[in-house]
N, C-alpha and C. Protein backbone atom coordinates (compact mmCIF):
# COMPACT_ATOMS: atom_id res chain seq x y z
N UNK A 1 0.85 -1.20 0.00
CA UNK A 1 0.00 0.00 0.00
C UNK A 1 0.88 1.24 0.00
N UNK A 2 0.61 2.16 -0.88
CA UNK A 2 1.38 3.40 -0.99
C UNK A 2 0.55 4.55 -0.43
N UNK A 3 0.91 5.10 0.77
CA UNK A 3 0.11 6.16 1.36
C UNK A 3 0.35 7.53 0.76
N UNK A 4 1.32 7.65 -0.16
CA UNK A 4 1.64 8.95 -0.73
C UNK A 4 0.79 9.23 -1.96
N UNK A 5 0.38 10.49 -2.10
CA UNK A 5 -0.48 10.88 -3.21
C UNK A 5 0.29 10.97 -4.52
N UNK A 6 1.55 11.31 -4.49
CA UNK A 6 2.35 11.45 -5.71
C UNK A 6 3.67 10.72 -5.55
N UNK A 7 4.26 10.36 -6.67
CA UNK A 7 5.58 9.73 -6.64
C UNK A 7 6.62 10.70 -6.08
N UNK A 8 6.47 12.00 -6.40
CA UNK A 8 7.43 12.99 -5.92
C UNK A 8 7.44 13.02 -4.39
N UNK A 9 6.26 12.94 -3.76
CA UNK A 9 6.20 12.94 -2.30
C UNK A 9 6.85 11.69 -1.73
N UNK A 10 6.62 10.53 -2.38
CA UNK A 10 7.24 9.29 -1.91
C UNK A 10 8.75 9.35 -2.03
N UNK A 11 9.26 9.88 -3.15
CA UNK A 11 10.70 9.98 -3.34
C UNK A 11 11.32 10.94 -2.33
N UNK A 12 10.60 12.01 -1.99
CA UNK A 12 11.11 12.96 -1.00
C UNK A 12 11.25 12.29 0.36
N UNK A 13 10.27 11.43 0.71
CA UNK A 13 10.36 10.70 1.97
C UNK A 13 11.52 9.71 1.95
N UNK A 14 11.67 8.97 0.84
CA UNK A 14 12.75 7.99 0.74
C UNK A 14 14.11 8.64 0.87
N UNK A 15 14.26 9.85 0.33
CA UNK A 15 15.54 10.54 0.38
C UNK A 15 15.95 10.87 1.81
N UNK A 16 14.99 10.86 2.76
CA UNK A 16 15.28 11.18 4.15
C UNK A 16 15.68 9.97 4.96
N UNK A 17 15.67 8.75 4.38
CA UNK A 17 16.04 7.53 5.10
C UNK A 17 17.53 7.28 4.85
N UNK A 18 18.40 7.41 5.87
CA UNK A 18 19.84 7.29 5.64
C UNK A 18 20.31 5.88 5.34
N UNK A 19 19.62 4.87 5.86
CA UNK A 19 20.04 3.49 5.66
C UNK A 19 19.60 3.02 4.27
N UNK A 20 20.58 2.67 3.41
CA UNK A 20 20.25 2.30 2.03
C UNK A 20 19.41 1.03 1.96
N UNK A 21 19.68 0.08 2.87
CA UNK A 21 18.91 -1.17 2.85
C UNK A 21 17.45 -0.90 3.20
N UNK A 22 17.23 -0.05 4.22
CA UNK A 22 15.86 0.30 4.59
C UNK A 22 15.20 1.08 3.46
N UNK A 23 15.97 1.97 2.81
CA UNK A 23 15.40 2.77 1.72
C UNK A 23 14.98 1.88 0.55
N UNK A 24 15.83 0.90 0.17
CA UNK A 24 15.50 0.02 -0.96
C UNK A 24 14.30 -0.86 -0.64
N UNK A 25 14.25 -1.37 0.61
CA UNK A 25 13.12 -2.21 0.98
C UNK A 25 11.82 -1.40 1.00
N UNK A 26 11.90 -0.17 1.49
CA UNK A 26 10.72 0.69 1.51
C UNK A 26 10.26 1.01 0.09
N UNK A 27 11.20 1.30 -0.81
CA UNK A 27 10.85 1.57 -2.20
C UNK A 27 10.12 0.39 -2.83
N UNK A 28 10.62 -0.82 -2.57
CA UNK A 28 10.00 -2.01 -3.16
C UNK A 28 8.59 -2.23 -2.61
N UNK A 29 8.43 -2.06 -1.28
CA UNK A 29 7.12 -2.31 -0.69
C UNK A 29 6.11 -1.25 -1.08
N UNK A 30 6.56 -0.05 -1.37
CA UNK A 30 5.65 1.00 -1.83
C UNK A 30 5.30 0.83 -3.30
N UNK A 31 5.97 -0.09 -3.99
CA UNK A 31 5.66 -0.32 -5.39
C UNK A 31 6.25 0.70 -6.35
N UNK A 32 7.24 1.46 -5.89
CA UNK A 32 7.80 2.49 -6.76
C UNK A 32 8.63 1.89 -7.89
N UNK A 33 9.21 0.69 -7.66
CA UNK A 33 9.99 0.05 -8.72
C UNK A 33 9.12 -0.38 -9.89
N UNK A 34 7.81 -0.58 -9.61
CA UNK A 34 6.91 -1.04 -10.67
C UNK A 34 6.26 0.10 -11.43
N UNK A 35 6.38 1.32 -10.91
CA UNK A 35 5.77 2.48 -11.55
C UNK A 35 6.64 2.95 -12.70
N UNK A 36 5.97 3.55 -13.67
CA UNK A 36 6.72 4.04 -14.82
C UNK A 36 7.65 5.15 -14.38
N UNK A 37 8.86 5.13 -14.92
CA UNK A 37 9.84 6.15 -14.58
C UNK A 37 9.38 7.50 -15.10
N UNK A 38 9.62 8.58 -14.35
CA UNK A 38 9.20 9.89 -14.81
C UNK A 38 10.02 10.34 -16.01
N UNK A 39 9.43 11.26 -16.78
CA UNK A 39 10.12 11.77 -17.96
C UNK A 39 11.41 12.46 -17.55
N UNK A 40 12.47 12.36 -18.36
CA UNK A 40 13.74 12.99 -18.01
C UNK A 40 13.57 14.48 -17.81
N UNK A 41 14.28 15.01 -16.81
CA UNK A 41 14.23 16.42 -16.53
C UNK A 41 15.48 17.09 -17.06
N UNK A 42 15.39 18.40 -17.23
CA UNK A 42 16.51 19.14 -17.77
C UNK A 42 17.64 19.29 -16.77
N UNK A 43 17.32 19.19 -15.46
CA UNK A 43 18.37 19.35 -14.47
C UNK A 43 19.17 18.05 -14.37
N UNK A 44 20.42 18.11 -13.88
CA UNK A 44 21.23 16.89 -13.73
C UNK A 44 20.57 15.92 -12.77
N UNK A 45 20.74 14.61 -13.04
CA UNK A 45 20.14 13.59 -12.19
C UNK A 45 20.78 13.55 -10.82
N UNK A 46 21.99 14.06 -10.71
CA UNK A 46 22.69 14.01 -9.43
C UNK A 46 22.28 15.12 -8.49
N UNK A 47 21.44 16.03 -8.93
CA UNK A 47 21.03 17.14 -8.08
C UNK A 47 20.25 16.61 -6.88
N UNK A 48 20.64 16.97 -5.66
CA UNK A 48 19.96 16.42 -4.48
C UNK A 48 18.52 16.91 -4.39
N UNK A 49 17.66 16.04 -3.89
CA UNK A 49 16.26 16.40 -3.68
C UNK A 49 16.14 17.17 -2.38
N UNK A 50 15.39 18.23 -2.39
CA UNK A 50 15.23 19.05 -1.20
C UNK A 50 13.77 19.31 -0.89
N UNK A 51 12.89 18.45 -1.41
CA UNK A 51 11.47 18.63 -1.18
C UNK A 51 11.10 18.00 0.16
N UNK A 52 10.19 18.58 0.85
CA UNK A 52 9.70 18.06 2.13
C UNK A 52 8.27 17.62 1.95
N UNK A 53 7.90 16.55 2.66
CA UNK A 53 6.52 16.07 2.62
C UNK A 53 5.67 16.99 3.48
N UNK A 54 4.67 17.68 2.92
CA UNK A 54 3.87 18.62 3.72
C UNK A 54 3.04 17.88 4.74
N UNK A 55 2.84 18.51 5.89
CA UNK A 55 2.02 17.93 6.95
C UNK A 55 0.98 18.94 7.36
N UNK A 56 -0.26 18.48 7.67
CA UNK A 56 -1.30 19.40 8.12
C UNK A 56 -0.85 20.15 9.36
N UNK A 57 -1.23 21.42 9.46
CA UNK A 57 -0.83 22.26 10.58
C UNK A 57 -1.37 21.69 11.87
N UNK A 58 -0.50 21.64 12.89
CA UNK A 58 -0.92 21.19 14.22
C UNK A 58 -1.03 19.69 14.37
N UNK A 59 -0.60 18.90 13.37
CA UNK A 59 -0.71 17.46 13.46
C UNK A 59 0.65 16.83 13.26
N UNK A 60 0.81 15.61 13.81
CA UNK A 60 2.04 14.88 13.61
C UNK A 60 2.11 14.41 12.17
N UNK A 61 3.20 14.67 11.43
CA UNK A 61 3.28 14.21 10.04
C UNK A 61 3.26 12.70 9.98
N UNK A 62 2.47 12.15 9.06
CA UNK A 62 2.34 10.71 8.93
C UNK A 62 3.25 10.25 7.80
N UNK A 63 4.26 9.45 8.16
CA UNK A 63 5.15 8.86 7.18
C UNK A 63 5.18 7.37 7.42
N UNK A 64 5.60 6.61 6.43
CA UNK A 64 5.56 5.16 6.58
C UNK A 64 6.79 4.53 5.98
N UNK A 65 7.21 3.43 6.57
CA UNK A 65 8.27 2.61 6.02
C UNK A 65 7.86 1.16 6.19
N UNK A 66 8.34 0.30 5.33
CA UNK A 66 7.90 -1.08 5.36
C UNK A 66 8.88 -1.95 6.14
N UNK A 67 8.39 -3.06 6.77
CA UNK A 67 9.30 -3.96 7.46
C UNK A 67 10.38 -4.47 6.51
N UNK A 68 11.58 -4.62 7.01
CA UNK A 68 12.71 -5.06 6.20
C UNK A 68 12.96 -6.54 6.46
N UNK A 69 13.14 -7.31 5.41
CA UNK A 69 13.47 -8.71 5.58
C UNK A 69 14.86 -8.82 6.20
N UNK A 70 14.97 -9.52 7.31
CA UNK A 70 16.24 -9.64 8.01
C UNK A 70 16.65 -11.09 8.11
N UNK A 71 17.94 -11.33 8.44
CA UNK A 71 18.45 -12.69 8.54
C UNK A 71 17.88 -13.41 9.75
N UNK A 72 17.48 -12.68 10.79
CA UNK A 72 16.89 -13.27 11.98
C UNK A 72 15.38 -13.30 11.84
N UNK A 73 14.75 -14.48 11.91
CA UNK A 73 13.29 -14.55 11.76
C UNK A 73 12.59 -13.74 12.83
N UNK A 74 11.53 -13.06 12.44
CA UNK A 74 10.71 -12.33 13.37
C UNK A 74 11.14 -10.91 13.65
N UNK A 75 12.28 -10.46 13.10
CA UNK A 75 12.74 -9.09 13.33
C UNK A 75 11.89 -8.12 12.52
N UNK A 76 11.42 -7.05 13.16
CA UNK A 76 10.64 -6.01 12.49
C UNK A 76 11.46 -4.72 12.45
N UNK A 77 11.49 -4.08 11.28
CA UNK A 77 12.20 -2.81 11.12
C UNK A 77 11.31 -1.86 10.33
N UNK A 78 11.07 -0.67 10.88
CA UNK A 78 10.28 0.34 10.17
C UNK A 78 10.63 1.71 10.74
N UNK A 79 10.11 2.75 10.11
CA UNK A 79 10.40 4.13 10.50
C UNK A 79 9.13 4.83 10.95
N UNK A 80 9.22 5.56 12.07
CA UNK A 80 8.08 6.29 12.63
C UNK A 80 8.41 7.76 12.77
N UNK A 81 7.39 8.62 12.89
CA UNK A 81 7.64 10.04 13.14
C UNK A 81 8.33 10.26 14.48
N UNK A 82 8.96 11.41 14.61
CA UNK A 82 9.64 11.77 15.87
C UNK A 82 8.59 11.93 16.96
N UNK A 83 8.76 11.27 18.11
CA UNK A 83 7.71 11.30 19.14
C UNK A 83 7.78 12.54 20.02
N UNK A 84 6.66 12.91 20.65
CA UNK A 84 6.70 13.95 21.68
C UNK A 84 7.42 13.43 22.92
N UNK A 85 7.93 14.33 23.73
CA UNK A 85 8.67 13.92 24.92
C UNK A 85 7.71 13.41 25.99
N UNK A 86 8.28 12.70 26.96
CA UNK A 86 7.49 12.16 28.07
C UNK A 86 6.76 13.28 28.81
N UNK A 87 7.39 14.44 28.91
CA UNK A 87 6.79 15.55 29.66
C UNK A 87 5.58 16.16 28.97
N UNK A 88 5.41 15.91 27.67
CA UNK A 88 4.32 16.56 26.94
C UNK A 88 3.18 15.63 26.56
N UNK A 89 3.27 14.33 26.87
CA UNK A 89 2.21 13.41 26.44
C UNK A 89 1.10 13.26 27.49
N UNK A 90 1.30 13.82 28.67
CA UNK A 90 0.27 13.72 29.71
C UNK A 90 -0.10 15.12 30.18
N UNK A 91 -1.36 15.28 30.63
CA UNK A 91 -1.82 16.55 31.20
C UNK A 91 -2.71 16.26 32.40
N UNK A 92 -2.67 17.17 33.36
CA UNK A 92 -3.49 17.02 34.57
C UNK A 92 -4.77 17.85 34.42
N UNK A 93 -5.88 17.31 34.89
CA UNK A 93 -7.16 18.03 34.84
C UNK A 93 -7.94 17.72 36.10
N UNK A 94 -8.89 18.58 36.43
CA UNK A 94 -9.75 18.40 37.59
C UNK A 94 -11.13 17.96 37.14
N UNK A 95 -11.67 16.93 37.79
CA UNK A 95 -13.00 16.43 37.44
C UNK A 95 -13.87 16.45 38.69
N UNK A 96 -15.17 16.80 38.54
CA UNK A 96 -16.08 16.80 39.70
C UNK A 96 -16.24 15.40 40.27
N UNK A 97 -16.37 15.32 41.58
CA UNK A 97 -16.59 14.02 42.23
C UNK A 97 -17.25 14.25 43.58
N UNK A 98 -17.77 13.20 44.15
CA UNK A 98 -18.38 13.27 45.47
C UNK A 98 -17.27 13.21 46.52
N UNK A 99 -17.22 14.19 47.45
CA UNK A 99 -16.16 14.18 48.48
C UNK A 99 -16.18 12.90 49.30
N UNK A 100 -15.00 12.33 49.52
CA UNK A 100 -14.92 11.10 50.32
C UNK A 100 -15.02 11.39 51.82
N UNK A 101 -14.58 12.60 52.21
CA UNK A 101 -14.63 12.97 53.61
C UNK A 101 -15.24 14.36 53.75
N UNK A 102 -15.85 14.65 54.87
CA UNK A 102 -16.38 16.01 55.08
C UNK A 102 -15.26 17.05 54.98
N UNK A 103 -15.53 18.10 54.26
CA UNK A 103 -14.54 19.14 54.09
C UNK A 103 -13.62 18.94 52.91
N UNK A 104 -13.68 17.76 52.28
CA UNK A 104 -12.84 17.52 51.10
C UNK A 104 -13.39 18.26 49.89
N UNK A 105 -12.54 18.67 48.95
CA UNK A 105 -13.03 19.40 47.77
C UNK A 105 -13.86 18.49 46.88
N UNK A 106 -14.87 19.05 46.20
CA UNK A 106 -15.75 18.24 45.33
C UNK A 106 -15.14 17.99 43.95
N UNK A 107 -13.87 17.76 43.91
CA UNK A 107 -13.20 17.47 42.64
C UNK A 107 -11.97 16.61 42.92
N UNK A 108 -11.46 15.99 41.88
CA UNK A 108 -10.27 15.15 41.99
C UNK A 108 -9.39 15.38 40.77
N UNK A 109 -8.10 15.22 40.95
CA UNK A 109 -7.14 15.39 39.85
C UNK A 109 -7.01 14.08 39.07
N UNK A 110 -7.00 14.21 37.75
CA UNK A 110 -6.81 13.03 36.87
C UNK A 110 -5.73 13.36 35.86
N UNK A 111 -4.95 12.33 35.51
CA UNK A 111 -3.90 12.48 34.50
C UNK A 111 -4.41 11.86 33.21
N UNK A 112 -4.47 12.66 32.14
CA UNK A 112 -5.01 12.21 30.85
C UNK A 112 -3.97 12.35 29.76
N UNK A 113 -4.14 11.59 28.69
CA UNK A 113 -3.27 11.70 27.53
C UNK A 113 -3.50 13.06 26.87
N UNK A 114 -2.43 13.78 26.58
CA UNK A 114 -2.54 15.11 26.00
C UNK A 114 -2.91 15.04 24.52
N UNK A 115 -3.21 16.20 23.93
CA UNK A 115 -3.52 16.25 22.50
C UNK A 115 -2.33 15.78 21.67
N UNK A 116 -1.10 16.18 22.05
CA UNK A 116 0.08 15.71 21.33
C UNK A 116 0.20 14.20 21.41
N UNK A 117 -0.09 13.65 22.59
CA UNK A 117 -0.03 12.19 22.75
C UNK A 117 -1.06 11.48 21.90
N UNK A 118 -2.29 12.01 21.83
CA UNK A 118 -3.34 11.39 21.02
C UNK A 118 -3.01 11.46 19.53
N UNK A 119 -2.49 12.62 19.09
CA UNK A 119 -2.13 12.77 17.68
C UNK A 119 -1.02 11.80 17.29
N UNK A 120 -0.06 11.62 18.18
CA UNK A 120 1.04 10.70 17.86
C UNK A 120 0.54 9.25 17.81
N UNK A 121 -0.34 8.88 18.71
CA UNK A 121 -0.90 7.53 18.67
C UNK A 121 -1.63 7.27 17.35
N UNK A 122 -2.41 8.26 16.91
CA UNK A 122 -3.14 8.09 15.65
C UNK A 122 -2.17 7.97 14.47
N UNK A 123 -1.11 8.78 14.47
CA UNK A 123 -0.14 8.74 13.38
C UNK A 123 0.54 7.37 13.32
N UNK A 124 0.96 6.84 14.46
CA UNK A 124 1.60 5.52 14.50
C UNK A 124 0.62 4.43 14.09
N UNK A 125 -0.61 4.52 14.57
CA UNK A 125 -1.64 3.53 14.19
C UNK A 125 -1.84 3.50 12.69
N UNK A 126 -1.92 4.67 12.05
CA UNK A 126 -2.13 4.73 10.60
C UNK A 126 -0.94 4.13 9.85
N UNK A 127 0.27 4.38 10.32
CA UNK A 127 1.46 3.81 9.67
C UNK A 127 1.48 2.30 9.80
N UNK A 128 1.20 1.78 11.00
CA UNK A 128 1.19 0.33 11.20
C UNK A 128 0.12 -0.33 10.33
N UNK A 129 -1.02 0.32 10.18
CA UNK A 129 -2.05 -0.24 9.29
C UNK A 129 -1.57 -0.25 7.84
N UNK A 130 -0.86 0.82 7.43
CA UNK A 130 -0.33 0.87 6.06
C UNK A 130 0.72 -0.21 5.83
N UNK A 131 1.38 -0.67 6.91
CA UNK A 131 2.38 -1.74 6.81
C UNK A 131 1.75 -3.12 6.96
N UNK A 132 0.41 -3.20 6.91
CA UNK A 132 -0.32 -4.47 7.01
C UNK A 132 -0.19 -5.08 8.41
N UNK A 133 -0.16 -4.23 9.43
CA UNK A 133 -0.24 -4.65 10.84
C UNK A 133 0.81 -5.69 11.24
N UNK A 134 2.10 -5.35 11.12
CA UNK A 134 3.12 -6.30 11.61
C UNK A 134 3.02 -6.43 13.12
N UNK A 135 3.36 -7.61 13.63
CA UNK A 135 3.29 -7.83 15.07
C UNK A 135 4.37 -8.82 15.49
N UNK A 136 4.68 -8.83 16.77
CA UNK A 136 5.68 -9.73 17.32
C UNK A 136 5.05 -11.07 17.69
N UNK A 137 5.86 -12.14 17.81
CA UNK A 137 5.30 -13.44 18.20
C UNK A 137 4.62 -13.36 19.57
N UNK A 138 3.47 -14.01 19.73
CA UNK A 138 2.75 -13.93 21.02
C UNK A 138 3.61 -14.41 22.18
N UNK A 139 3.69 -13.61 23.22
CA UNK A 139 4.41 -13.99 24.42
C UNK A 139 5.91 -13.81 24.37
N UNK A 140 6.47 -13.45 23.23
CA UNK A 140 7.93 -13.35 23.10
C UNK A 140 8.45 -12.14 23.88
N UNK A 141 9.56 -12.34 24.59
CA UNK A 141 10.28 -11.22 25.17
C UNK A 141 11.04 -10.51 24.06
N UNK A 142 11.25 -9.20 24.18
CA UNK A 142 11.69 -8.40 23.05
C UNK A 142 12.89 -7.52 23.37
N UNK A 143 13.69 -7.26 22.33
CA UNK A 143 14.73 -6.23 22.36
C UNK A 143 14.30 -5.12 21.42
N UNK A 144 14.36 -3.88 21.89
CA UNK A 144 13.92 -2.72 21.10
C UNK A 144 15.10 -1.77 20.91
N UNK A 145 15.38 -1.46 19.65
CA UNK A 145 16.42 -0.47 19.32
C UNK A 145 15.76 0.70 18.61
N UNK A 146 15.94 1.90 19.15
CA UNK A 146 15.41 3.13 18.56
C UNK A 146 16.58 3.99 18.11
N UNK A 147 16.70 4.20 16.81
CA UNK A 147 17.73 5.09 16.26
C UNK A 147 17.05 6.42 15.98
N UNK A 148 17.27 7.38 16.84
CA UNK A 148 16.52 8.63 16.86
C UNK A 148 17.23 9.70 16.04
N UNK A 149 16.55 10.22 15.02
CA UNK A 149 17.06 11.31 14.19
C UNK A 149 16.26 12.56 14.52
N UNK A 150 16.81 13.47 15.34
CA UNK A 150 16.03 14.63 15.79
C UNK A 150 15.77 15.62 14.66
N UNK A 151 14.74 16.47 14.80
CA UNK A 151 14.41 17.43 13.74
C UNK A 151 15.34 18.64 13.71
N UNK A 152 16.07 18.89 14.80
CA UNK A 152 16.98 20.04 14.85
C UNK A 152 18.06 19.74 15.88
N UNK A 153 18.92 20.73 16.12
CA UNK A 153 20.08 20.53 16.99
C UNK A 153 19.83 20.95 18.45
N UNK A 154 18.60 21.16 18.82
CA UNK A 154 18.31 21.49 20.21
C UNK A 154 18.70 20.33 21.13
N UNK A 155 19.12 20.67 22.34
CA UNK A 155 19.48 19.64 23.31
C UNK A 155 18.25 18.83 23.70
N UNK A 156 18.35 17.50 23.63
CA UNK A 156 17.24 16.62 23.97
C UNK A 156 17.75 15.46 24.81
N UNK A 157 16.98 15.09 25.82
CA UNK A 157 17.28 13.93 26.64
C UNK A 157 16.65 12.71 25.97
N UNK A 158 17.47 11.82 25.42
CA UNK A 158 16.93 10.66 24.70
C UNK A 158 16.09 9.76 25.59
N UNK A 159 16.34 9.77 26.90
CA UNK A 159 15.58 8.89 27.79
C UNK A 159 14.13 9.32 27.93
N UNK A 160 13.79 10.56 27.50
CA UNK A 160 12.40 11.02 27.57
C UNK A 160 11.57 10.62 26.35
N UNK A 161 12.19 10.04 25.32
CA UNK A 161 11.49 9.80 24.06
C UNK A 161 10.85 8.42 23.92
N UNK A 162 11.41 7.33 24.47
CA UNK A 162 10.84 6.01 24.16
C UNK A 162 9.41 5.79 24.63
N UNK A 163 8.98 6.38 25.75
CA UNK A 163 7.68 6.00 26.33
C UNK A 163 6.52 6.29 25.39
N UNK A 164 6.50 7.48 24.77
CA UNK A 164 5.39 7.80 23.87
C UNK A 164 5.36 6.83 22.70
N UNK A 165 6.54 6.48 22.16
CA UNK A 165 6.60 5.55 21.03
C UNK A 165 6.18 4.14 21.45
N UNK A 166 6.65 3.69 22.61
CA UNK A 166 6.28 2.36 23.09
C UNK A 166 4.77 2.25 23.31
N UNK A 167 4.17 3.26 23.96
CA UNK A 167 2.73 3.23 24.20
C UNK A 167 1.95 3.25 22.88
N UNK A 168 2.45 4.01 21.90
CA UNK A 168 1.78 4.07 20.60
C UNK A 168 1.83 2.71 19.90
N UNK A 169 2.96 2.00 20.00
CA UNK A 169 3.06 0.68 19.38
C UNK A 169 2.17 -0.34 20.09
N UNK A 170 2.01 -0.19 21.41
CA UNK A 170 1.07 -1.05 22.13
C UNK A 170 -0.35 -0.77 21.64
N UNK A 171 -0.70 0.51 21.53
CA UNK A 171 -2.04 0.91 21.08
C UNK A 171 -2.29 0.41 19.66
N UNK A 172 -1.25 0.35 18.81
CA UNK A 172 -1.40 -0.10 17.42
C UNK A 172 -1.39 -1.62 17.30
N UNK A 173 -1.11 -2.35 18.38
CA UNK A 173 -1.17 -3.81 18.35
C UNK A 173 0.09 -4.49 17.85
N UNK A 174 1.22 -3.78 17.83
CA UNK A 174 2.48 -4.41 17.39
C UNK A 174 2.93 -5.46 18.41
N UNK A 175 2.72 -5.17 19.68
CA UNK A 175 2.97 -6.14 20.75
C UNK A 175 1.83 -6.04 21.76
N UNK A 176 1.75 -7.02 22.66
CA UNK A 176 0.67 -7.02 23.63
C UNK A 176 0.85 -5.93 24.67
N UNK A 177 2.10 -5.69 25.09
CA UNK A 177 2.37 -4.67 26.10
C UNK A 177 3.86 -4.38 26.09
N UNK A 178 4.23 -3.13 26.38
CA UNK A 178 5.64 -2.80 26.35
C UNK A 178 6.40 -3.35 27.55
N UNK A 179 5.71 -4.01 28.49
CA UNK A 179 6.41 -4.71 29.57
C UNK A 179 7.15 -5.95 29.05
N UNK A 180 6.89 -6.35 27.80
CA UNK A 180 7.60 -7.48 27.19
C UNK A 180 9.02 -7.11 26.77
N UNK A 181 9.37 -5.83 26.82
CA UNK A 181 10.70 -5.38 26.39
C UNK A 181 11.71 -5.67 27.51
N UNK A 182 12.68 -6.53 27.23
CA UNK A 182 13.74 -6.83 28.18
C UNK A 182 15.02 -6.05 27.89
N UNK A 183 15.19 -5.63 26.65
CA UNK A 183 16.37 -4.86 26.27
C UNK A 183 15.92 -3.62 25.51
N UNK A 184 16.41 -2.46 25.94
CA UNK A 184 16.07 -1.20 25.29
C UNK A 184 17.36 -0.44 24.98
N UNK A 185 17.55 -0.11 23.70
CA UNK A 185 18.73 0.65 23.28
C UNK A 185 18.26 1.85 22.47
N UNK A 186 18.74 3.04 22.84
CA UNK A 186 18.37 4.28 22.15
C UNK A 186 19.66 4.95 21.68
N UNK A 187 19.78 5.19 20.38
CA UNK A 187 20.96 5.83 19.83
C UNK A 187 20.55 7.09 19.08
N UNK A 188 21.46 8.05 19.04
CA UNK A 188 21.18 9.32 18.37
C UNK A 188 21.72 9.29 16.95
N UNK A 189 20.87 9.67 15.99
CA UNK A 189 21.27 9.73 14.59
C UNK A 189 21.44 11.16 14.13
N UNK A 190 21.64 11.37 12.83
CA UNK A 190 21.83 12.72 12.31
C UNK A 190 20.53 13.52 12.33
N UNK A 191 20.68 14.84 12.35
CA UNK A 191 19.52 15.72 12.27
C UNK A 191 18.82 15.50 10.93
N UNK A 192 17.50 15.29 10.99
CA UNK A 192 16.69 15.01 9.81
C UNK A 192 15.47 15.95 9.81
N UNK A 193 15.20 16.66 8.72
CA UNK A 193 14.03 17.57 8.70
C UNK A 193 12.75 16.84 9.12
N UNK A 194 12.06 17.40 10.09
CA UNK A 194 10.84 16.78 10.60
C UNK A 194 11.08 15.76 11.68
N UNK A 195 12.28 15.15 11.69
CA UNK A 195 12.60 14.14 12.69
C UNK A 195 11.97 12.79 12.37
N UNK A 196 12.65 11.72 12.74
CA UNK A 196 12.11 10.37 12.55
C UNK A 196 12.87 9.41 13.45
N UNK A 197 12.29 8.22 13.64
CA UNK A 197 12.89 7.19 14.47
C UNK A 197 12.87 5.87 13.70
N UNK A 198 14.05 5.26 13.54
CA UNK A 198 14.15 3.95 12.91
C UNK A 198 14.03 2.89 14.02
N UNK A 199 13.02 2.05 13.90
CA UNK A 199 12.66 1.10 14.95
C UNK A 199 13.06 -0.31 14.53
N UNK A 200 13.75 -1.03 15.42
CA UNK A 200 14.07 -2.44 15.21
C UNK A 200 13.60 -3.22 16.42
N UNK A 201 12.73 -4.21 16.20
CA UNK A 201 12.20 -5.05 17.27
C UNK A 201 12.65 -6.48 17.02
N UNK A 202 13.36 -7.06 18.01
CA UNK A 202 13.92 -8.40 17.86
C UNK A 202 13.41 -9.31 18.96
N UNK A 203 12.73 -10.43 18.62
CA UNK A 203 12.36 -11.40 19.64
C UNK A 203 13.62 -12.04 20.23
N UNK A 204 13.65 -12.20 21.55
CA UNK A 204 14.82 -12.74 22.22
C UNK A 204 14.71 -14.26 22.35
N UNK A 205 15.84 -14.92 22.14
CA UNK A 205 15.89 -16.38 22.33
C UNK A 205 16.40 -16.75 23.70
N UNK A 206 17.12 -15.84 24.36
CA UNK A 206 17.60 -16.05 25.72
C UNK A 206 17.09 -14.92 26.60
N UNK A 207 16.34 -15.26 27.64
CA UNK A 207 15.73 -14.25 28.50
C UNK A 207 15.54 -14.80 29.88
N UNK A 208 15.40 -13.91 30.85
CA UNK A 208 15.12 -14.33 32.22
C UNK A 208 13.71 -14.88 32.36
N UNK A 209 12.85 -14.55 31.41
CA UNK A 209 11.46 -14.99 31.47
C UNK A 209 11.22 -16.12 30.45
N UNK A 210 10.45 -17.09 30.81
CA UNK A 210 10.11 -18.17 29.87
C UNK A 210 9.16 -17.66 28.81
N UNK A 211 9.46 -17.95 27.54
CA UNK A 211 8.60 -17.54 26.44
C UNK A 211 7.47 -18.54 26.31
N UNK A 212 6.24 -18.07 26.44
CA UNK A 212 5.08 -18.95 26.34
C UNK A 212 4.82 -19.33 24.90
N UNK A 213 4.47 -20.58 24.58
CA UNK A 213 4.19 -20.97 23.21
C UNK A 213 2.90 -20.36 22.70
């Protein structure tokens, strides 16, 4: 399934994937190799592409990459949008309630998923659906590697980024729960316009927990 409206938009997205193997696999799964080649342009073919995929204002840009065939069975590799930080995915609100004790206030504090958190969950869900709903083996303990390419050079704490992405993948049904992750590795990649995260999920064969059949 090709979620891009034009070949130019798809090529612009592919140009932002630094890993050539991931880029070639994504091109094949999007069906770009089967499409007719565009008419030759007057500019040199070596001229770098500088087009950006437009995103609706106020929403997380939706981009997609396809799982890559790997030598290890069950390994999933795909690319997701840059996630909001842990500090921005939750918000506190007050809701009316019946006081439990005399003199107690008639309200209680609740922690809810923020608008940024909801938008990111929807973006990840749409990408996973476009990838035909890949999922991990039932009950398998997992190793997760996130190669984070930030949108700019601002200082960022990488430890604040995995939670929003992990919860979004749980919501999308890639795994049953992120408590199945026994190994978590987060690495910083080059600055990429818009930001993106290259995700690799590997089922573990050796773990402290028994893998249920």
